[in-house]
């Protein structure tokens, strides 16, 4: 039985969410933030210091990444720590890095 191409096309809702997910990887600062957070939990100050990006820019990106549910946060006293703990996001990120590094 031949499958109709229309059966293979993502619905508009799913396509929009996938496009939004990949948009998260379209900014070098967000990619650098994610590169740290897939490996270790960090707060805004630590990310800013290690990445050389202002705390306000880090906070802006983290707010967006949280809304996308790509990073999770936890509060410890007055500090908020961020981490990527979704194995799907970690695998997707690592596959992207592996793909780019193999092209060199």
PDB file of N, CA and C in Angstrom:
ATOM      1  N   UNK A   1       0.830  -1.172   0.000  1.00  0.00           N
ATOM      2  CA  UNK A   1       0.000   0.000   0.000  1.00  0.00           C
ATOM      3  C   UNK A   1       0.886   1.250   0.000  1.00  0.00           C
ATOM      4  N   UNK A   2       0.629   2.147  -0.907  1.00  0.00           N
ATOM      5  CA  UNK A   2       1.420   3.357  -1.042  1.00  0.00           C
ATOM      6  C   UNK A   2       0.925   4.402  -0.046  1.00  0.00           C
ATOM      7  N   UNK A   3       1.880   5.047   0.673  1.00  0.00           N
ATOM      8  CA  UNK A   3       1.524   6.064   1.647  1.00  0.00           C
ATOM      9  C   UNK A   3       1.416   7.416   0.945  1.00  0.00           C
ATOM     10  N   UNK A   4       0.394   8.147   1.273  1.00  0.00           N
ATOM     11  CA  UNK A   4       0.188   9.484   0.734  1.00  0.00           C
ATOM     12  C   UNK A   4       1.152  10.451   1.430  1.00  0.00           C
ATOM     13  N   UNK A   5       1.756  11.331   0.672  1.00  0.00           N
ATOM     14  CA  UNK A   5       2.687  12.312   1.224  1.00  0.00           C
ATOM     15  C   UNK A   5       2.034  13.151   2.310  1.00  0.00           C
ATOM     16  N   UNK A   6       0.753  13.392   2.225  1.00  0.00           N
ATOM     17  CA  UNK A   6       0.039  14.181   3.233  1.00  0.00           C
ATOM     18  C   UNK A   6       0.073  13.506   4.602  1.00  0.00           C
ATOM     19  N   UNK A   7       0.206  12.181   4.618  1.00  0.00           N
ATOM     20  CA  UNK A   7       0.297  11.457   5.882  1.00  0.00           C
ATOM     21  C   UNK A   7       1.649  11.667   6.561  1.00  0.00           C
ATOM     22  N   UNK A   8       2.635  12.141   5.792  1.00  0.00           N
ATOM     23  CA  UNK A   8       3.980  12.338   6.321  1.00  0.00           C
ATOM     24  C   UNK A   8       4.225  13.754   6.838  1.00  0.00           C
ATOM     25  N   UNK A   9       3.361  14.676   6.455  1.00  0.00           N
ATOM     26  CA  UNK A   9       3.532  16.083   6.807  1.00  0.00           C
ATOM     27  C   UNK A   9       3.100  16.315   8.253  1.00  0.00           C
ATOM     28  N   UNK A  10       3.948  17.030   9.004  1.00  0.00           N
ATOM     29  CA  UNK A  10       3.590  17.385  10.376  1.00  0.00           C
ATOM     30  C   UNK A  10       2.425  18.354  10.381  1.00  0.00           C
ATOM     31  N   UNK A  11       1.584  18.235  11.401  1.00  0.00           N
ATOM     32  CA  UNK A  11       0.509  19.207  11.531  1.00  0.00           C
ATOM     33  C   UNK A  11       1.096  20.563  11.920  1.00  0.00           C
ATOM     34  N   UNK A  12       0.340  21.625  11.704  1.00  0.00           N
ATOM     35  CA  UNK A  12       0.828  22.998  11.912  1.00  0.00           C
ATOM     36  C   UNK A  12       1.293  23.235  13.340  1.00  0.00           C
ATOM     37  N   UNK A  13       0.575  22.727  14.312  1.00  0.00           N
ATOM     38  CA  UNK A  13       0.920  22.904  15.726  1.00  0.00           C
ATOM     39  C   UNK A  13       2.285  22.272  16.030  1.00  0.00           C
ATOM     40  N   UNK A  14       2.471  21.030  15.617  1.00  0.00           N
ATOM     41  CA  UNK A  14       3.742  20.337  15.860  1.00  0.00           C
ATOM     42  C   UNK A  14       4.876  21.017  15.122  1.00  0.00           C
ATOM     43  N   UNK A  15       4.645  21.385  13.865  1.00  0.00           N
ATOM     44  CA  UNK A  15       5.677  22.055  13.075  1.00  0.00           C
ATOM     45  C   UNK A  15       6.111  23.364  13.729  1.00  0.00           C
ATOM     46  N   UNK A  16       5.164  24.112  14.265  1.00  0.00           N
ATOM     47  CA  UNK A  16       5.489  25.380  14.925  1.00  0.00           C
ATOM     48  C   UNK A  16       6.344  25.151  16.166  1.00  0.00           C
ATOM     49  N   UNK A  17       6.027  24.121  16.942  1.00  0.00           N
ATOM     50  CA  UNK A  17       6.806  23.836  18.147  1.00  0.00           C
ATOM     51  C   UNK A  17       8.211  23.342  17.810  1.00  0.00           C
ATOM     52  N   UNK A  18       8.344  22.542  16.793  1.00  0.00           N
ATOM     53  CA  UNK A  18       9.669  22.077  16.383  1.00  0.00           C
ATOM     54  C   UNK A  18      10.509  23.260  15.884  1.00  0.00           C
ATOM     55  N   UNK A  19       9.893  24.148  15.097  1.00  0.00           N
ATOM     56  CA  UNK A  19      10.599  25.335  14.611  1.00  0.00           C
ATOM     57  C   UNK A  19      11.054  26.204  15.783  1.00  0.00           C
ATOM     58  N   UNK A  20      10.200  26.361  16.782  1.00  0.00           N
ATOM     59  CA  UNK A  20      10.542  27.150  17.967  1.00  0.00           C
ATOM     60  C   UNK A  20      11.687  26.498  18.740  1.00  0.00           C
ATOM     61  N   UNK A  21      11.675  25.183  18.835  1.00  0.00           N
ATOM     62  CA  UNK A  21      12.760  24.468  19.505  1.00  0.00           C
ATOM     63  C   UNK A  21      14.087  24.750  18.819  1.00  0.00           C
ATOM     64  N   UNK A  22      14.109  24.637  17.511  1.00  0.00           N
ATOM     65  CA  UNK A  22      15.357  24.868  16.795  1.00  0.00           C
ATOM     66  C   UNK A  22      15.758  26.337  16.816  1.00  0.00           C
ATOM     67  N   UNK A  23      14.802  27.222  16.991  1.00  0.00           N
ATOM     68  CA  UNK A  23      15.125  28.638  17.136  1.00  0.00           C
ATOM     69  C   UNK A  23      15.980  28.884  18.378  1.00  0.00           C
ATOM     70  N   UNK A  24      15.823  28.040  19.390  1.00  0.00           N
ATOM     71  CA  UNK A  24      16.631  28.166  20.598  1.00  0.00           C
ATOM     72  C   UNK A  24      18.112  28.006  20.290  1.00  0.00           C
ATOM     73  N   UNK A  25      18.426  27.246  19.259  1.00  0.00           N
ATOM     74  CA  UNK A  25      19.813  26.996  18.885  1.00  0.00           C
ATOM     75  C   UNK A  25      20.323  28.005  17.860  1.00  0.00           C
ATOM     76  N   UNK A  26      19.540  29.031  17.562  1.00  0.00           N
ATOM     77  CA  UNK A  26      19.920  29.981  16.513  1.00  0.00           C
ATOM     78  C   UNK A  26      20.718  31.177  17.038  1.00  0.00           C
ATOM     79  N   UNK A  27      20.969  31.221  18.325  1.00  0.00           N
ATOM     80  CA  UNK A  27      21.700  32.337  18.930  1.00  0.00           C
ATOM     81  C   UNK A  27      22.956  31.798  19.600  1.00  0.00           C
ATOM     82  N   UNK A  28      24.111  32.372  19.269  1.00  0.00           N
ATOM     83  CA  UNK A  28      25.374  31.844  19.811  1.00  0.00           C
ATOM     84  C   UNK A  28      25.442  31.943  21.331  1.00  0.00           C
ATOM     85  N   UNK A  29      24.884  32.995  21.913  1.00  0.00           N
ATOM     86  CA  UNK A  29      24.896  33.106  23.380  1.00  0.00           C
ATOM     87  C   UNK A  29      24.076  31.992  24.012  1.00  0.00           C
ATOM     88  N   UNK A  30      22.905  31.707  23.458  1.00  0.00           N
ATOM     89  CA  UNK A  30      22.086  30.614  24.007  1.00  0.00           C
ATOM     90  C   UNK A  30      22.794  29.277  23.848  1.00  0.00           C
ATOM     91  N   UNK A  31      23.462  29.085  22.729  1.00  0.00           N
ATOM     92  CA  UNK A  31      24.201  27.831  22.520  1.00  0.00           C
ATOM     93  C   UNK A  31      25.325  27.713  23.547  1.00  0.00           C
ATOM     94  N   UNK A  32      26.026  28.809  23.805  1.00  0.00           N
ATOM     95  CA  UNK A  32      27.088  28.765  24.814  1.00  0.00           C
ATOM     96  C   UNK A  32      26.517  28.484  26.204  1.00  0.00           C
ATOM     97  N   UNK A  33      25.402  29.112  26.525  1.00  0.00           N
ATOM     98  CA  UNK A  33      24.750  28.849  27.815  1.00  0.00           C
ATOM     99  C   UNK A  33      24.359  27.381  27.914  1.00  0.00           C
ATOM    100  N   UNK A  34      23.729  26.871  26.883  1.00  0.00           N
ATOM    101  CA  UNK A  34      23.321  25.459  26.887  1.00  0.00           C
ATOM    102  C   UNK A  34      24.521  24.528  26.983  1.00  0.00           C
ATOM    103  N   UNK A  35      25.635  24.903  26.349  1.00  0.00           N
ATOM    104  CA  UNK A  35      26.828  24.039  26.390  1.00  0.00           C
ATOM    105  C   UNK A  35      27.321  23.838  27.816  1.00  0.00           C
ATOM    106  N   UNK A  36      27.137  24.853  28.648  1.00  0.00           N
ATOM    107  CA  UNK A  36      27.515  24.729  30.059  1.00  0.00           C
ATOM    108  C   UNK A  36      26.444  23.968  30.829  1.00  0.00           C
ATOM    109  N   UNK A  37      25.174  24.331  30.598  1.00  0.00           N
ATOM    110  CA  UNK A  37      24.089  23.783  31.410  1.00  0.00           C
ATOM    111  C   UNK A  37      23.765  22.325  31.117  1.00  0.00           C
ATOM    112  N   UNK A  38      24.199  21.787  29.978  1.00  0.00           N
ATOM    113  CA  UNK A  38      24.007  20.345  29.749  1.00  0.00           C
ATOM    114  C   UNK A  38      25.012  19.548  30.572  1.00  0.00           C
ATOM    115  N   UNK A  39      26.051  20.227  31.074  1.00  0.00           N
ATOM    116  CA  UNK A  39      27.096  19.533  31.828  1.00  0.00           C
ATOM    117  C   UNK A  39      27.083  19.827  33.322  1.00  0.00           C
ATOM    118  N   UNK A  40      26.647  21.056  33.688  1.00  0.00           N
ATOM    119  CA  UNK A  40      26.666  21.396  35.108  1.00  0.00           C
ATOM    120  C   UNK A  40      25.626  22.458  35.421  1.00  0.00           C
ATOM    121  N   UNK A  41      25.192  22.445  36.652  1.00  0.00           N
ATOM    122  CA  UNK A  41      24.235  23.428  37.153  1.00  0.00           C
ATOM    123  C   UNK A  41      24.990  24.721  37.444  1.00  0.00           C
ATOM    124  N   UNK A  42      24.405  25.852  37.041  1.00  0.00           N
ATOM    125  CA  UNK A  42      25.058  27.148  37.227  1.00  0.00           C
ATOM    126  C   UNK A  42      24.035  28.210  37.583  1.00  0.00           C
ATOM    127  N   UNK A  43      24.498  29.266  38.232  1.00  0.00           N
ATOM    128  CA  UNK A  43      23.646  30.429  38.455  1.00  0.00           C
ATOM    129  C   UNK A  43      24.003  31.505  37.441  1.00  0.00           C
ATOM    130  N   UNK A  44      23.249  32.592  37.427  1.00  0.00           N
ATOM    131  CA  UNK A  44      23.454  33.656  36.441  1.00  0.00           C
ATOM    132  C   UNK A  44      24.854  34.242  36.552  1.00  0.00           C
ATOM    133  N   UNK A  45      25.288  34.501  37.767  1.00  0.00           N
ATOM    134  CA  UNK A  45      26.609  35.093  37.967  1.00  0.00           C
ATOM    135  C   UNK A  45      27.730  34.208  37.447  1.00  0.00           C
ATOM    136  N   UNK A  46      27.640  32.914  37.710  1.00  0.00           N
ATOM    137  CA  UNK A  46      28.661  31.979  37.228  1.00  0.00           C
ATOM    138  C   UNK A  46      28.685  31.900  35.713  1.00  0.00           C
ATOM    139  N   UNK A  47      27.509  31.866  35.105  1.00  0.00           N
ATOM    140  CA  UNK A  47      27.438  31.840  33.647  1.00  0.00           C
ATOM    141  C   UNK A  47      28.024  33.115  33.053  1.00  0.00           C
ATOM    142  N   UNK A  48      27.655  34.259  33.623  1.00  0.00           N
ATOM    143  CA  UNK A  48      28.145  35.546  33.116  1.00  0.00           C
ATOM    144  C   UNK A  48      29.667  35.619  33.196  1.00  0.00           C
ATOM    145  N   UNK A  49      30.205  35.204  34.324  1.00  0.00           N
ATOM    146  CA  UNK A  49      31.651  35.262  34.517  1.00  0.00           C
ATOM    147  C   UNK A  49      32.383  34.325  33.552  1.00  0.00           C
ATOM    148  N   UNK A  50      31.888  33.111  33.423  1.00  0.00           N
ATOM    149  CA  UNK A  50      32.573  32.119  32.595  1.00  0.00           C
ATOM    150  C   UNK A  50      32.391  32.347  31.097  1.00  0.00           C
ATOM    151  N   UNK A  51      31.278  32.945  30.709  1.00  0.00           N
ATOM    152  CA  UNK A  51      31.013  33.136  29.281  1.00  0.00           C
ATOM    153  C   UNK A  51      31.353  34.537  28.800  1.00  0.00           C
ATOM    154  N   UNK A  52      31.607  35.461  29.729  1.00  0.00           N
ATOM    155  CA  UNK A  52      31.909  36.825  29.329  1.00  0.00           C
ATOM    156  C   UNK A  52      30.699  37.549  28.755  1.00  0.00           C
ATOM    157  N   UNK A  53      29.526  37.208  29.242  1.00  0.00           N
ATOM    158  CA  UNK A  53      28.271  37.826  28.818  1.00  0.00           C
ATOM    159  C   UNK A  53      27.679  38.507  30.044  1.00  0.00           C
ATOM    160  N   UNK A  54      27.050  39.656  29.870  1.00  0.00           N
ATOM    161  CA  UNK A  54      26.495  40.370  31.017  1.00  0.00           C
ATOM    162  C   UNK A  54      25.415  39.543  31.710  1.00  0.00           C
ATOM    163  N   UNK A  55      25.264  39.794  33.006  1.00  0.00           N
ATOM    164  CA  UNK A  55      24.237  39.089  33.773  1.00  0.00           C
ATOM    165  C   UNK A  55      22.849  39.370  33.231  1.00  0.00           C
ATOM    166  N   UNK A  56      22.601  40.596  32.788  1.00  0.00           N
ATOM    167  CA  UNK A  56      21.270  40.910  32.260  1.00  0.00           C
ATOM    168  C   UNK A  56      21.005  40.130  30.968  1.00  0.00           C
ATOM    169  N   UNK A  57      22.013  39.974  30.123  1.00  0.00           N
ATOM    170  CA  UNK A  57      21.839  39.190  28.888  1.00  0.00           C
ATOM    171  C   UNK A  57      21.632  37.713  29.218  1.00  0.00           C
ATOM    172  N   UNK A  58      22.402  37.207  30.182  1.00  0.00           N
ATOM    173  CA  UNK A  58      22.234  35.811  30.611  1.00  0.00           C
ATOM    174  C   UNK A  58      20.814  35.602  31.123  1.00  0.00           C
ATOM    175  N   UNK A  59      20.344  36.506  31.970  1.00  0.00           N
ATOM    176  CA  UNK A  59      18.992  36.393  32.527  1.00  0.00           C
ATOM    177  C   UNK A  59      17.939  36.411  31.425  1.00  0.00           C
ATOM    178  N   UNK A  60      18.114  37.279  30.461  1.00  0.00           N
ATOM    179  CA  UNK A  60      17.175  37.358  29.338  1.00  0.00           C
ATOM    180  C   UNK A  60      17.121  36.024  28.589  1.00  0.00           C
ATOM    181  N   UNK A  61      18.283  35.467  28.265  1.00  0.00           N
ATOM    182  CA  UNK A  61      18.325  34.194  27.545  1.00  0.00           C
ATOM    183  C   UNK A  61      17.750  33.054  28.388  1.00  0.00           C
ATOM    184  N   UNK A  62      18.071  33.047  29.670  1.00  0.00           N
ATOM    185  CA  UNK A  62      17.557  31.988  30.550  1.00  0.00           C
ATOM    186  C   UNK A  62      16.040  32.061  30.674  1.00  0.00           C
ATOM    187  N   UNK A  63      15.505  33.251  30.720  1.00  0.00           N
ATOM    188  CA  UNK A  63      14.042  33.409  30.784  1.00  0.00           C
ATOM    189  C   UNK A  63      13.408  32.778  29.544  1.00  0.00           C
ATOM    190  N   UNK A  64      13.996  33.045  28.391  1.00  0.00           N
ATOM    191  CA  UNK A  64      13.485  32.493  27.139  1.00  0.00           C
ATOM    192  C   UNK A  64      13.645  30.971  27.118  1.00  0.00           C
ATOM    193  N   UNK A  65      14.805  30.475  27.552  1.00  0.00           N
ATOM    194  CA  UNK A  65      15.048  29.025  27.573  1.00  0.00           C
ATOM    195  C   UNK A  65      14.117  28.323  28.563  1.00  0.00           C
ATOM    196  N   UNK A  66      13.792  28.977  29.669  1.00  0.00           N
ATOM    197  CA  UNK A  66      12.834  28.398  30.628  1.00  0.00           C
ATOM    198  C   UNK A  66      11.439  28.342  30.030  1.00  0.00           C
ATOM    199  N   UNK A  67      11.034  29.404  29.340  1.00  0.00           N
ATOM    200  CA  UNK A  67       9.712  29.410  28.711  1.00  0.00           C
ATOM    201  C   UNK A  67       9.607  28.305  27.665  1.00  0.00           C
ATOM    202  N   UNK A  68      10.716  27.996  27.031  1.00  0.00           N
ATOM    203  CA  UNK A  68      10.754  26.919  26.036  1.00  0.00           C
ATOM    204  C   UNK A  68      10.865  25.539  26.708  1.00  0.00           C
ATOM    205  N   UNK A  69      10.997  25.535  28.021  1.00  0.00           N
ATOM    206  CA  UNK A  69      11.176  24.311  28.818  1.00  0.00           C
ATOM    207  C   UNK A  69      12.445  23.549  28.432  1.00  0.00           C
ATOM    208  N   UNK A  70      13.490  24.294  28.076  1.00  0.00           N
ATOM    209  CA  UNK A  70      14.778  23.679  27.749  1.00  0.00           C
ATOM    210  C   UNK A  70      15.696  23.636  28.959  1.00  0.00           C
ATOM    211  N   UNK A  71      15.507  24.549  29.892  1.00  0.00           N
ATOM    212  CA  UNK A  71      16.280  24.541  31.134  1.00  0.00           C
ATOM    213  C   UNK A  71      15.316  24.545  32.311  1.00  0.00           C
ATOM    214  N   UNK A  72      15.785  23.998  33.394  1.00  0.00           N
ATOM    215  CA  UNK A  72      15.012  23.989  34.635  1.00  0.00           C
ATOM    216  C   UNK A  72      15.781  24.805  35.662  1.00  0.00           C
ATOM    217  N   UNK A  73      15.047  25.305  36.629  1.00  0.00           N
ATOM    218  CA  UNK A  73      15.685  26.109  37.665  1.00  0.00           C
ATOM    219  C   UNK A  73      15.292  25.576  39.038  1.00  0.00           C
ATOM    220  N   UNK A  74      16.170  25.896  39.985  1.00  0.00           N
ATOM    221  CA  UNK A  74      15.861  25.607  41.387  1.00  0.00           C
ATOM    222  C   UNK A  74      16.456  26.727  42.224  1.00  0.00           C
ATOM    223  N   UNK A  75      15.747  27.072  43.259  1.00  0.00           N
ATOM    224  CA  UNK A  75      16.183  28.154  44.139  1.00  0.00           C
ATOM    225  C   UNK A  75      16.892  27.567  45.355  1.00  0.00           C
ATOM    226  N   UNK A  76      18.024  28.181  45.684  1.00  0.00           N
ATOM    227  CA  UNK A  76      18.744  27.839  46.911  1.00  0.00           C
ATOM    228  C   UNK A  76      19.055  29.155  47.616  1.00  0.00           C
ATOM    229  N   UNK A  77      18.255  29.469  48.634  1.00  0.00           N
ATOM    230  CA  UNK A  77      18.374  30.773  49.281  1.00  0.00           C
ATOM    231  C   UNK A  77      17.967  31.851  48.292  1.00  0.00           C
ATOM    232  N   UNK A  78      18.866  32.815  48.081  1.00  0.00           N
ATOM    233  CA  UNK A  78      18.580  33.893  47.136  1.00  0.00           C
ATOM    234  C   UNK A  78      19.048  33.565  45.724  1.00  0.00           C
ATOM    235  N   UNK A  79      19.803  32.502  45.574  1.00  0.00           N
ATOM    236  CA  UNK A  79      20.350  32.136  44.263  1.00  0.00           C
ATOM    237  C   UNK A  79      19.420  31.184  43.519  1.00  0.00           C
ATOM    238  N   UNK A  80      19.385  31.333  42.208  1.00  0.00           N
ATOM    239  CA  UNK A  80      18.646  30.424  41.341  1.00  0.00           C
ATOM    240  C   UNK A  80      19.665  29.718  40.457  1.00  0.00           C
ATOM    241  N   UNK A  81      19.593  28.409  40.426  1.00  0.00           N
ATOM    242  CA  UNK A  81      20.511  27.596  39.635  1.00  0.00           C
ATOM    243  C   UNK A  81      19.747  26.972  38.466  1.00  0.00           C
ATOM    244  N   UNK A  82      20.429  26.878  37.346  1.00  0.00           N
ATOM    245  CA  UNK A  82      19.822  26.389  36.101  1.00  0.00           C
ATOM    246  C   UNK A  82      20.555  25.157  35.621  1.00  0.00           C
ATOM    247  N   UNK A  83      19.799  24.284  34.926  1.00  0.00           N
ATOM    248  CA  UNK A  83      20.350  23.031  34.427  1.00  0.00           C
ATOM    249  C   UNK A  83      19.479  22.523  33.288  1.00  0.00           C
ATOM    250  N   UNK A  84      20.112  21.866  32.330  1.00  0.00           N
ATOM    251  CA  UNK A  84      19.375  21.119  31.315  1.00  0.00           C
ATOM    252  C   UNK A  84      19.355  19.681  31.805  1.00  0.00           C
ATOM    253  N   UNK A  85      18.169  19.150  32.086  1.00  0.00           N
ATOM    254  CA  UNK A  85      18.116  17.768  32.572  1.00  0.00           C
ATOM    255  C   UNK A  85      17.223  16.876  31.723  1.00  0.00           C
ATOM    256  N   UNK A  86      16.755  17.385  30.597  1.00  0.00           N
ATOM    257  CA  UNK A  86      15.932  16.585  29.688  1.00  0.00           C
ATOM    258  C   UNK A  86      16.861  15.817  28.756  1.00  0.00           C
ATOM    259  N   UNK A  87      16.856  14.483  28.824  1.00  0.00           N
ATOM    260  CA  UNK A  87      17.774  13.703  27.987  1.00  0.00           C
ATOM    261  C   UNK A  87      17.570  13.932  26.488  1.00  0.00           C
ATOM    262  N   UNK A  88      16.362  14.288  26.076  1.00  0.00           N
ATOM    263  CA  UNK A  88      16.116  14.571  24.655  1.00  0.00           C
ATOM    264  C   UNK A  88      16.851  15.830  24.217  1.00  0.00           C
ATOM    265  N   UNK A  89      16.796  16.865  25.045  1.00  0.00           N
ATOM    266  CA  UNK A  89      17.460  18.127  24.720  1.00  0.00           C
ATOM    267  C   UNK A  89      18.978  17.944  24.763  1.00  0.00           C
ATOM    268  N   UNK A  90      19.460  17.209  25.755  1.00  0.00           N
ATOM    269  CA  UNK A  90      20.897  16.948  25.844  1.00  0.00           C
ATOM    270  C   UNK A  90      21.372  16.193  24.613  1.00  0.00           C
ATOM    271  N   UNK A  91      20.643  15.163  24.207  1.00  0.00           N
ATOM    272  CA  UNK A  91      21.022  14.374  23.027  1.00  0.00           C
ATOM    273  C   UNK A  91      20.961  15.221  21.761  1.00  0.00           C
ATOM    274  N   UNK A  92      19.918  16.025  21.612  1.00  0.00           N
ATOM    275  CA  UNK A  92      19.786  16.881  20.441  1.00  0.00           C
ATOM    276  C   UNK A  92      20.942  17.875  20.374  1.00  0.00           C
ATOM    277  N   UNK A  93      21.255  18.488  21.505  1.00  0.00           N
ATOM    278  CA  UNK A  93      22.363  19.439  21.567  1.00  0.00           C
ATOM    279  C   UNK A  93      23.678  18.757  21.211  1.00  0.00           C
ATOM    280  N   UNK A  94      23.931  17.608  21.826  1.00  0.00           N
ATOM    281  CA  UNK A  94      25.193  16.900  21.589  1.00  0.00           C
ATOM    282  C   UNK A  94      25.302  16.425  20.147  1.00  0.00           C
ATOM    283  N   UNK A  95      24.207  15.980  19.564  1.00  0.00           N
ATOM    284  CA  UNK A  95      24.235  15.568  18.155  1.00  0.00           C
ATOM    285  C   UNK A  95      24.563  16.748  17.253  1.00  0.00           C
ATOM    286  N   UNK A  96      24.033  17.919  17.567  1.00  0.00           N
ATOM    287  CA  UNK A  96      24.362  19.116  16.797  1.00  0.00           C
ATOM    288  C   UNK A  96      25.833  19.451  16.893  1.00  0.00           C
ATOM    289  N   UNK A  97      26.381  19.388  18.107  1.00  0.00           N
ATOM    290  CA  UNK A  97      27.816  19.653  18.316  1.00  0.00           C
ATOM    291  C   UNK A  97      28.647  18.618  17.563  1.00  0.00           C
ATOM    292  N   UNK A  98      28.292  17.345  17.703  1.00  0.00           N
ATOM    293  CA  UNK A  98      29.031  16.279  17.006  1.00  0.00           C
ATOM    294  C   UNK A  98      28.996  16.489  15.501  1.00  0.00           C
ATOM    295  N   UNK A  99      27.843  16.843  14.966  1.00  0.00           N
ATOM    296  CA  UNK A  99      27.712  17.068  13.525  1.00  0.00           C
ATOM    297  C   UNK A  99      28.643  18.181  13.055  1.00  0.00           C
ATOM    298  N   UNK A 100      28.653  19.296  13.789  1.00  0.00           N
ATOM    299  CA  UNK A 100      29.486  20.427  13.402  1.00  0.00           C
ATOM    300  C   UNK A 100      30.962  20.089  13.537  1.00  0.00           C
ATOM    301  N   UNK A 101      31.342  19.398  14.609  1.00  0.00           N
ATOM    302  CA  UNK A 101      32.750  19.078  14.821  1.00  0.00           C
ATOM    303  C   UNK A 101      33.263  18.065  13.808  1.00  0.00           C
ATOM    304  N   UNK A 102      32.420  17.200  13.297  1.00  0.00           N
ATOM    305  CA  UNK A 102      32.838  16.230  12.276  1.00  0.00           C
ATOM    306  C   UNK A 102      33.051  16.885  10.926  1.00  0.00           C
ATOM    307  N   UNK A 103      32.426  18.043  10.701  1.00  0.00           N
ATOM    308  CA  UNK A 103      32.558  18.754   9.432  1.00  0.00           C
ATOM    309  C   UNK A 103      33.898  19.458   9.307  1.00  0.00           C
ATOM    310  N   UNK A 104      34.584  19.661  10.405  1.00  0.00           N
ATOM    311  CA  UNK A 104      35.859  20.405  10.371  1.00  0.00           C
ATOM    312  C   UNK A 104      36.929  19.624   9.675  1.00  0.00           C
TER     313      UNK A 104
END
